[in-house]
Amino acid sequence: LYDQDGWTIHACCRNPDSAVDLKSVADTSEGRITLHTLDVEKPSTIADLKAALGATPIDMLINMAGYLGEKALVDPDGLQPFGVTDYEIMEKAYRINCMGPLRVCETLIDNVEASDKKIIINVSSIVGSIGGDNFGNFYMYRPSKTALNAVTHAMAINLKDRGITVIPFHPGFTKTDMGGPTAD
């Protein structure tokens, strides 16, 4: 963990009061981890985070909000096959998976630029790869991650002259609420 290496961490989630595991880690971090409320669908919480951080430099900004939809992968239609697209869920996936990280980056870019390391990591998914898709499905989720990859690529080009490195990151199929119990 970064906190064990002496990093100062500003951890964000929609509801810090109910994030029991995250609170437990923060409580034992000797003040190195501070929890903040952040819901990337709500621009006001991004502005509140900026206000709380002020000019604090951010060496590594990691955007890892993600939304697959209302069904788990193992549920009927959980793979979001053609013909069952819920466009409200698709719009929500865009807001959380693409627009949210872009808003966070635009709001906190001065903090990143003021740091020593100047790194932005957008957690994406291999599912967002156009060339690597040999499975199909995920009509509500896939395009939002493809859009995040395009935004990340554009940011890498546009922020290079400011010394900022921007990369997408695919963590693999992991056991999370979204990945479910069958994940690696």
C-alpha atoms as a PDB file:
ATOM      1  CA  LEU A   1       0.000   0.000   0.000  1.00  0.00           C
ATOM      2  CA  TYR A   2       1.129   3.505  -0.783  1.00  0.00           C
ATOM      3  CA  ASP A   3       0.459   4.669   2.781  1.00  0.00           C
ATOM      4  CA  GLN A   4       2.995   2.134   4.075  1.00  0.00           C
ATOM      5  CA  ASP A   5       5.566   3.725   1.764  1.00  0.00           C
ATOM      6  CA  GLY A   6       4.879   7.116   3.368  1.00  0.00           C
ATOM      7  CA  TRP A   7       2.588   8.612   0.729  1.00  0.00           C
ATOM      8  CA  THR A   8      -0.174  11.020   1.698  1.00  0.00           C
ATOM      9  CA  ILE A   9      -3.418   9.702   0.242  1.00  0.00           C
ATOM     10  CA  HIS A  10      -6.684  11.483  -0.402  1.00  0.00           C
ATOM     11  CA  ALA A  11      -9.136   8.615  -0.852  1.00  0.00           C
ATOM     12  CA  CYS A  12     -12.534   9.397  -2.296  1.00  0.00           C
ATOM     13  CA  CYS A  13     -15.822   7.539  -2.386  1.00  0.00           C
ATOM     14  CA  ARG A  14     -19.494   8.376  -2.608  1.00  0.00           C
ATOM     15  CA  ASN A  15     -20.208   7.749   1.080  1.00  0.00           C
ATOM     16  CA  PRO A  16     -17.186   7.625   3.397  1.00  0.00           C
ATOM     17  CA  ASP A  17     -19.430   6.910   6.404  1.00  0.00           C
ATOM     18  CA  SER A  18     -20.493   3.557   4.958  1.00  0.00           C
ATOM     19  CA  ALA A  19     -17.083   2.628   3.507  1.00  0.00           C
ATOM     20  CA  VAL A  20     -16.175   0.448   6.488  1.00  0.00           C
ATOM     21  CA  ASP A  21     -13.064  -1.172   5.001  1.00  0.00           C
ATOM     22  CA  LEU A  22     -11.715   2.122   3.657  1.00  0.00           C
ATOM     23  CA  LYS A  23     -12.374   3.861   6.980  1.00  0.00           C
ATOM     24  CA  SER A  24     -10.537   1.063   8.795  1.00  0.00           C
ATOM     25  CA  VAL A  25      -7.458   1.498   6.598  1.00  0.00           C
ATOM     26  CA  ALA A  26      -7.589   5.283   7.025  1.00  0.00           C
ATOM     27  CA  ASP A  27      -7.978   4.972  10.803  1.00  0.00           C
ATOM     28  CA  THR A  28      -4.783   2.927  11.047  1.00  0.00           C
ATOM     29  CA  SER A  29      -2.755   5.103   8.639  1.00  0.00           C
ATOM     30  CA  GLU A  30      -1.465   7.536  11.261  1.00  0.00           C
ATOM     31  CA  GLY A  31      -3.061  10.415   9.354  1.00  0.00           C
ATOM     32  CA  ARG A  32      -1.594   9.548   5.950  1.00  0.00           C
ATOM     33  CA  ILE A  33      -5.033   8.766   4.483  1.00  0.00           C
ATOM     34  CA  THR A  34      -7.814  11.345   4.404  1.00  0.00           C
ATOM     35  CA  LEU A  35     -11.291  10.379   3.229  1.00  0.00           C
ATOM     36  CA  HIS A  36     -13.359  12.669   1.009  1.00  0.00           C
ATOM     37  CA  THR A  37     -16.859  12.464  -0.401  1.00  0.00           C
ATOM     38  CA  LEU A  38     -16.802  12.274  -4.190  1.00  0.00           C
ATOM     39  CA  ASP A  39     -19.503  11.184  -6.601  1.00  0.00           C
ATOM     40  CA  VAL A  40     -18.240  11.742 -10.135  1.00  0.00           C
ATOM     41  CA  GLU A  41     -21.852  12.038 -11.347  1.00  0.00           C
ATOM     42  CA  LYS A  42     -22.224  15.134  -9.179  1.00  0.00           C
ATOM     43  CA  PRO A  43     -19.940  18.003 -10.288  1.00  0.00           C
ATOM     44  CA  SER A  44     -20.572  19.797  -6.978  1.00  0.00           C
ATOM     45  CA  THR A  45     -18.698  17.033  -5.115  1.00  0.00           C
ATOM     46  CA  ILE A  46     -15.747  17.431  -7.488  1.00  0.00           C
ATOM     47  CA  ALA A  47     -15.741  21.169  -6.749  1.00  0.00           C
ATOM     48  CA  ASP A  48     -15.964  20.402  -3.015  1.00  0.00           C
ATOM     49  CA  LEU A  49     -12.934  18.114  -3.307  1.00  0.00           C
ATOM     50  CA  LYS A  50     -10.974  20.866  -5.069  1.00  0.00           C
ATOM     51  CA  ALA A  51     -11.949  23.311  -2.318  1.00  0.00           C
ATOM     52  CA  ALA A  52     -10.801  20.844   0.352  1.00  0.00           C
ATOM     53  CA  LEU A  53      -7.481  20.206  -1.391  1.00  0.00           C
ATOM     54  CA  GLY A  54      -6.791  23.797  -2.374  1.00  0.00           C
ATOM     55  CA  ALA A  55      -3.363  23.925  -4.020  1.00  0.00           C
ATOM     56  CA  THR A  56      -2.172  20.601  -2.539  1.00  0.00           C
ATOM     57  CA  PRO A  57       0.066  18.921  -5.137  1.00  0.00           C
ATOM     58  CA  ILE A  58      -1.131  15.518  -6.383  1.00  0.00           C
ATOM     59  CA  ASP A  59       1.701  13.251  -7.559  1.00  0.00           C
ATOM     60  CA  MET A  60      -0.620  10.531  -8.831  1.00  0.00           C
ATOM     61  CA  LEU A  61      -4.284  11.079  -9.617  1.00  0.00           C
ATOM     62  CA  ILE A  62      -6.049   7.738  -9.997  1.00  0.00           C
ATOM     63  CA  ASN A  63      -9.565   7.788 -11.430  1.00  0.00           C
ATOM     64  CA  MET A  64     -11.200   4.449 -10.750  1.00  0.00           C
ATOM     65  CA  ALA A  65     -14.919   5.046 -10.620  1.00  0.00           C
ATOM     66  CA  GLY A  66     -16.773   2.432 -12.609  1.00  0.00           C
ATOM     67  CA  TYR A  67     -20.321   1.488 -13.455  1.00  0.00           C
ATOM     68  CA  LEU A  68     -21.342  -1.625 -15.369  1.00  0.00           C
ATOM     69  CA  GLY A  69     -25.098  -1.379 -14.970  1.00  0.00           C
ATOM     70  CA  GLU A  70     -27.808  -2.684 -12.698  1.00  0.00           C
ATOM     71  CA  LYS A  71     -27.108  -6.372 -13.307  1.00  0.00           C
ATOM     72  CA  ALA A  72     -24.069  -8.434 -12.399  1.00  0.00           C
ATOM     73  CA  LEU A  73     -22.285 -10.293 -15.156  1.00  0.00           C
ATOM     74  CA  VAL A  74     -23.751 -13.593 -13.990  1.00  0.00           C
ATOM     75  CA  ASP A  75     -27.369 -12.339 -14.033  1.00  0.00           C
ATOM     76  CA  PRO A  76     -29.633 -12.997 -17.029  1.00  0.00           C
ATOM     77  CA  ASP A  77     -28.726 -10.319 -19.593  1.00  0.00           C
ATOM     78  CA  GLY A  78     -25.772  -9.328 -17.362  1.00  0.00           C
ATOM     79  CA  LEU A  79     -23.504  -9.444 -20.414  1.00  0.00           C
ATOM     80  CA  GLN A  80     -25.691  -6.734 -21.972  1.00  0.00           C
ATOM     81  CA  PRO A  81     -26.352  -8.504 -25.277  1.00  0.00           C
ATOM     82  CA  PHE A  82     -27.658  -6.778 -28.381  1.00  0.00           C
ATOM     83  CA  GLY A  83     -31.355  -6.030 -28.213  1.00  0.00           C
ATOM     84  CA  VAL A  84     -31.760  -5.353 -24.487  1.00  0.00           C
ATOM     85  CA  THR A  85     -29.979  -1.981 -24.245  1.00  0.00           C
ATOM     86  CA  ASP A  86     -31.236   0.221 -21.435  1.00  0.00           C
ATOM     87  CA  TYR A  87     -30.295   3.703 -22.635  1.00  0.00           C
ATOM     88  CA  GLU A  88     -30.664   5.284 -19.194  1.00  0.00           C
ATOM     89  CA  ILE A  89     -28.071   2.842 -17.842  1.00  0.00           C
ATOM     90  CA  MET A  90     -25.897   3.525 -20.878  1.00  0.00           C
ATOM     91  CA  GLU A  91     -26.050   7.280 -20.213  1.00  0.00           C
ATOM     92  CA  LYS A  92     -25.184   6.694 -16.550  1.00  0.00           C
ATOM     93  CA  ALA A  93     -22.201   4.561 -17.605  1.00  0.00           C
ATOM     94  CA  TYR A  94     -20.941   7.447 -19.774  1.00  0.00           C
ATOM     95  CA  ARG A  95     -21.373   9.933 -16.918  1.00  0.00           C
ATOM     96  CA  ILE A  96     -19.481   7.754 -14.435  1.00  0.00           C
ATOM     97  CA  ASN A  97     -16.934   5.951 -16.625  1.00  0.00           C
ATOM     98  CA  CYS A  98     -15.907   8.749 -18.995  1.00  0.00           C
ATOM     99  CA  MET A  99     -17.281  12.174 -18.136  1.00  0.00           C
ATOM    100  CA  GLY A 100     -16.579  11.843 -14.396  1.00  0.00           C
ATOM    101  CA  PRO A 101     -12.854  11.113 -14.747  1.00  0.00           C
ATOM    102  CA  LEU A 102     -12.505  13.924 -17.294  1.00  0.00           C
ATOM    103  CA  ARG A 103     -14.219  16.376 -14.915  1.00  0.00           C
ATOM    104  CA  VAL A 104     -11.967  15.275 -12.054  1.00  0.00           C
ATOM    105  CA  CYS A 105      -8.866  15.729 -14.226  1.00  0.00           C
ATOM    106  CA  GLU A 106      -9.926  19.150 -15.485  1.00  0.00           C
ATOM    107  CA  THR A 107     -10.724  20.285 -11.945  1.00  0.00           C
ATOM    108  CA  LEU A 108      -7.520  18.967 -10.347  1.00  0.00           C
ATOM    109  CA  ILE A 109      -5.064  19.523 -13.215  1.00  0.00           C
ATOM    110  CA  ASP A 110      -3.273  22.391 -11.450  1.00  0.00           C
ATOM    111  CA  ASN A 111      -2.736  20.133  -8.419  1.00  0.00           C
ATOM    112  CA  VAL A 112      -1.213  17.441 -10.633  1.00  0.00           C
ATOM    113  CA  GLU A 113       0.947  19.945 -12.494  1.00  0.00           C
ATOM    114  CA  ALA A 114       2.247  21.333  -9.180  1.00  0.00           C
ATOM    115  CA  SER A 115       3.533  17.903  -8.105  1.00  0.00           C
ATOM    116  CA  ASP A 116       6.848  16.151  -8.589  1.00  0.00           C
ATOM    117  CA  LYS A 117       5.569  13.037 -10.372  1.00  0.00           C
ATOM    118  CA  LYS A 118       2.700  14.485 -12.474  1.00  0.00           C
ATOM    119  CA  ILE A 119       0.852  11.233 -13.228  1.00  0.00           C
ATOM    120  CA  ILE A 120      -2.792  10.645 -14.112  1.00  0.00           C
ATOM    121  CA  ILE A 121      -4.077   7.082 -14.274  1.00  0.00           C
ATOM    122  CA  ASN A 122      -7.539   6.390 -15.628  1.00  0.00           C
ATOM    123  CA  VAL A 123      -8.696   2.915 -14.704  1.00  0.00           C
ATOM    124  CA  SER A 124     -10.347   1.544 -17.804  1.00  0.00           C
ATOM    125  CA  SER A 125     -11.029  -1.932 -19.125  1.00  0.00           C
ATOM    126  CA  ILE A 126      -9.883  -4.169 -21.937  1.00  0.00           C
ATOM    127  CA  VAL A 127     -13.574  -4.221 -22.811  1.00  0.00           C
ATOM    128  CA  GLY A 128     -13.062  -0.656 -24.088  1.00  0.00           C
ATOM    129  CA  SER A 129     -10.596  -1.836 -26.735  1.00  0.00           C
ATOM    130  CA  ILE A 130     -12.043  -1.769 -30.230  1.00  0.00           C
ATOM    131  CA  GLY A 131      -9.278  -3.826 -31.823  1.00  0.00           C
ATOM    132  CA  GLY A 132      -9.154  -6.342 -29.000  1.00  0.00           C
ATOM    133  CA  ASP A 133     -12.887  -7.083 -28.939  1.00  0.00           C
ATOM    134  CA  ASN A 134     -13.627 -10.626 -30.032  1.00  0.00           C
ATOM    135  CA  PHE A 135     -16.567 -11.147 -27.668  1.00  0.00           C
ATOM    136  CA  GLY A 136     -19.122  -8.400 -28.374  1.00  0.00           C
ATOM    137  CA  ASN A 137     -21.860  -7.669 -25.827  1.00  0.00           C
ATOM    138  CA  PHE A 138     -21.605  -5.011 -23.072  1.00  0.00           C
ATOM    139  CA  TYR A 139     -23.557  -2.498 -25.180  1.00  0.00           C
ATOM    140  CA  MET A 140     -24.166  -0.218 -22.207  1.00  0.00           C
ATOM    141  CA  TYR A 141     -20.699  -0.483 -20.629  1.00  0.00           C
ATOM    142  CA  ARG A 142     -18.197  -1.020 -23.466  1.00  0.00           C
ATOM    143  CA  PRO A 143     -18.679   2.326 -25.265  1.00  0.00           C
ATOM    144  CA  SER A 144     -18.155   4.270 -22.031  1.00  0.00           C
ATOM    145  CA  LYS A 145     -14.763   2.639 -21.493  1.00  0.00           C
ATOM    146  CA  THR A 146     -13.876   3.110 -25.175  1.00  0.00           C
ATOM    147  CA  ALA A 147     -14.677   6.801 -24.699  1.00  0.00           C
ATOM    148  CA  LEU A 148     -12.522   6.916 -21.547  1.00  0.00           C
ATOM    149  CA  ASN A 149      -9.635   5.393 -23.513  1.00  0.00           C
ATOM    150  CA  ALA A 150     -10.052   8.066 -26.209  1.00  0.00           C
ATOM    151  CA  VAL A 151     -10.169  10.833 -23.581  1.00  0.00           C
ATOM    152  CA  THR A 152      -7.079   9.391 -21.890  1.00  0.00           C
ATOM    153  CA  HIS A 153      -5.199   9.269 -25.202  1.00  0.00           C
ATOM    154  CA  ALA A 154      -6.148  12.870 -26.020  1.00  0.00           C
ATOM    155  CA  MET A 155      -5.125  14.033 -22.534  1.00  0.00           C
ATOM    156  CA  ALA A 156      -1.763  12.290 -22.893  1.00  0.00           C
ATOM    157  CA  ILE A 157      -1.131  14.289 -26.066  1.00  0.00           C
ATOM    158  CA  ASN A 158      -2.432  17.606 -24.725  1.00  0.00           C
ATOM    159  CA  LEU A 159      -0.768  17.449 -21.302  1.00  0.00           C
ATOM    160  CA  LYS A 160       2.634  16.138 -22.406  1.00  0.00           C
ATOM    161  CA  ASP A 161       4.079  19.649 -22.779  1.00  0.00           C
ATOM    162  CA  ARG A 162       3.051  20.334 -19.167  1.00  0.00           C
ATOM    163  CA  GLY A 163       5.143  17.347 -18.072  1.00  0.00           C
ATOM    164  CA  ILE A 164       2.086  15.278 -17.170  1.00  0.00           C
ATOM    165  CA  THR A 165       1.928  11.572 -17.994  1.00  0.00           C
ATOM    166  CA  VAL A 166      -1.565  10.197 -18.604  1.00  0.00           C
ATOM    167  CA  ILE A 167      -2.147   6.472 -18.959  1.00  0.00           C
ATOM    168  CA  PRO A 168      -5.076   4.067 -19.073  1.00  0.00           C
ATOM    169  CA  PHE A 169      -4.900   1.054 -16.803  1.00  0.00           C
ATOM    170  CA  HIS A 170      -6.701  -2.268 -17.094  1.00  0.00           C
ATOM    171  CA  PRO A 171      -6.569  -4.037 -13.717  1.00  0.00           C
ATOM    172  CA  GLY A 172      -7.945  -7.289 -15.089  1.00  0.00           C
ATOM    173  CA  PHE A 173     -11.138  -9.071 -14.185  1.00  0.00           C
ATOM    174  CA  THR A 174     -11.145  -8.564 -10.426  1.00  0.00           C
ATOM    175  CA  LYS A 175     -13.389  -9.595  -7.564  1.00  0.00           C
ATOM    176  CA  THR A 176     -15.287  -6.398  -6.869  1.00  0.00           C
ATOM    177  CA  ASP A 177     -18.986  -5.619  -6.612  1.00  0.00           C
ATOM    178  CA  MET A 178     -18.883  -5.081 -10.359  1.00  0.00           C
ATOM    179  CA  GLY A 179     -16.714  -8.087 -11.289  1.00  0.00           C
ATOM    180  CA  GLY A 180     -18.547 -10.467  -9.014  1.00  0.00           C
ATOM    181  CA  PRO A 181     -17.440 -13.682  -7.330  1.00  0.00           C
ATOM    182  CA  THR A 182     -16.391 -15.428 -10.551  1.00  0.00           C
ATOM    183  CA  ALA A 183     -13.623 -12.886 -11.263  1.00  0.00           C
ATOM    184  CA  ASP A 184      -9.934 -13.722 -10.933  1.00  0.00           C
END
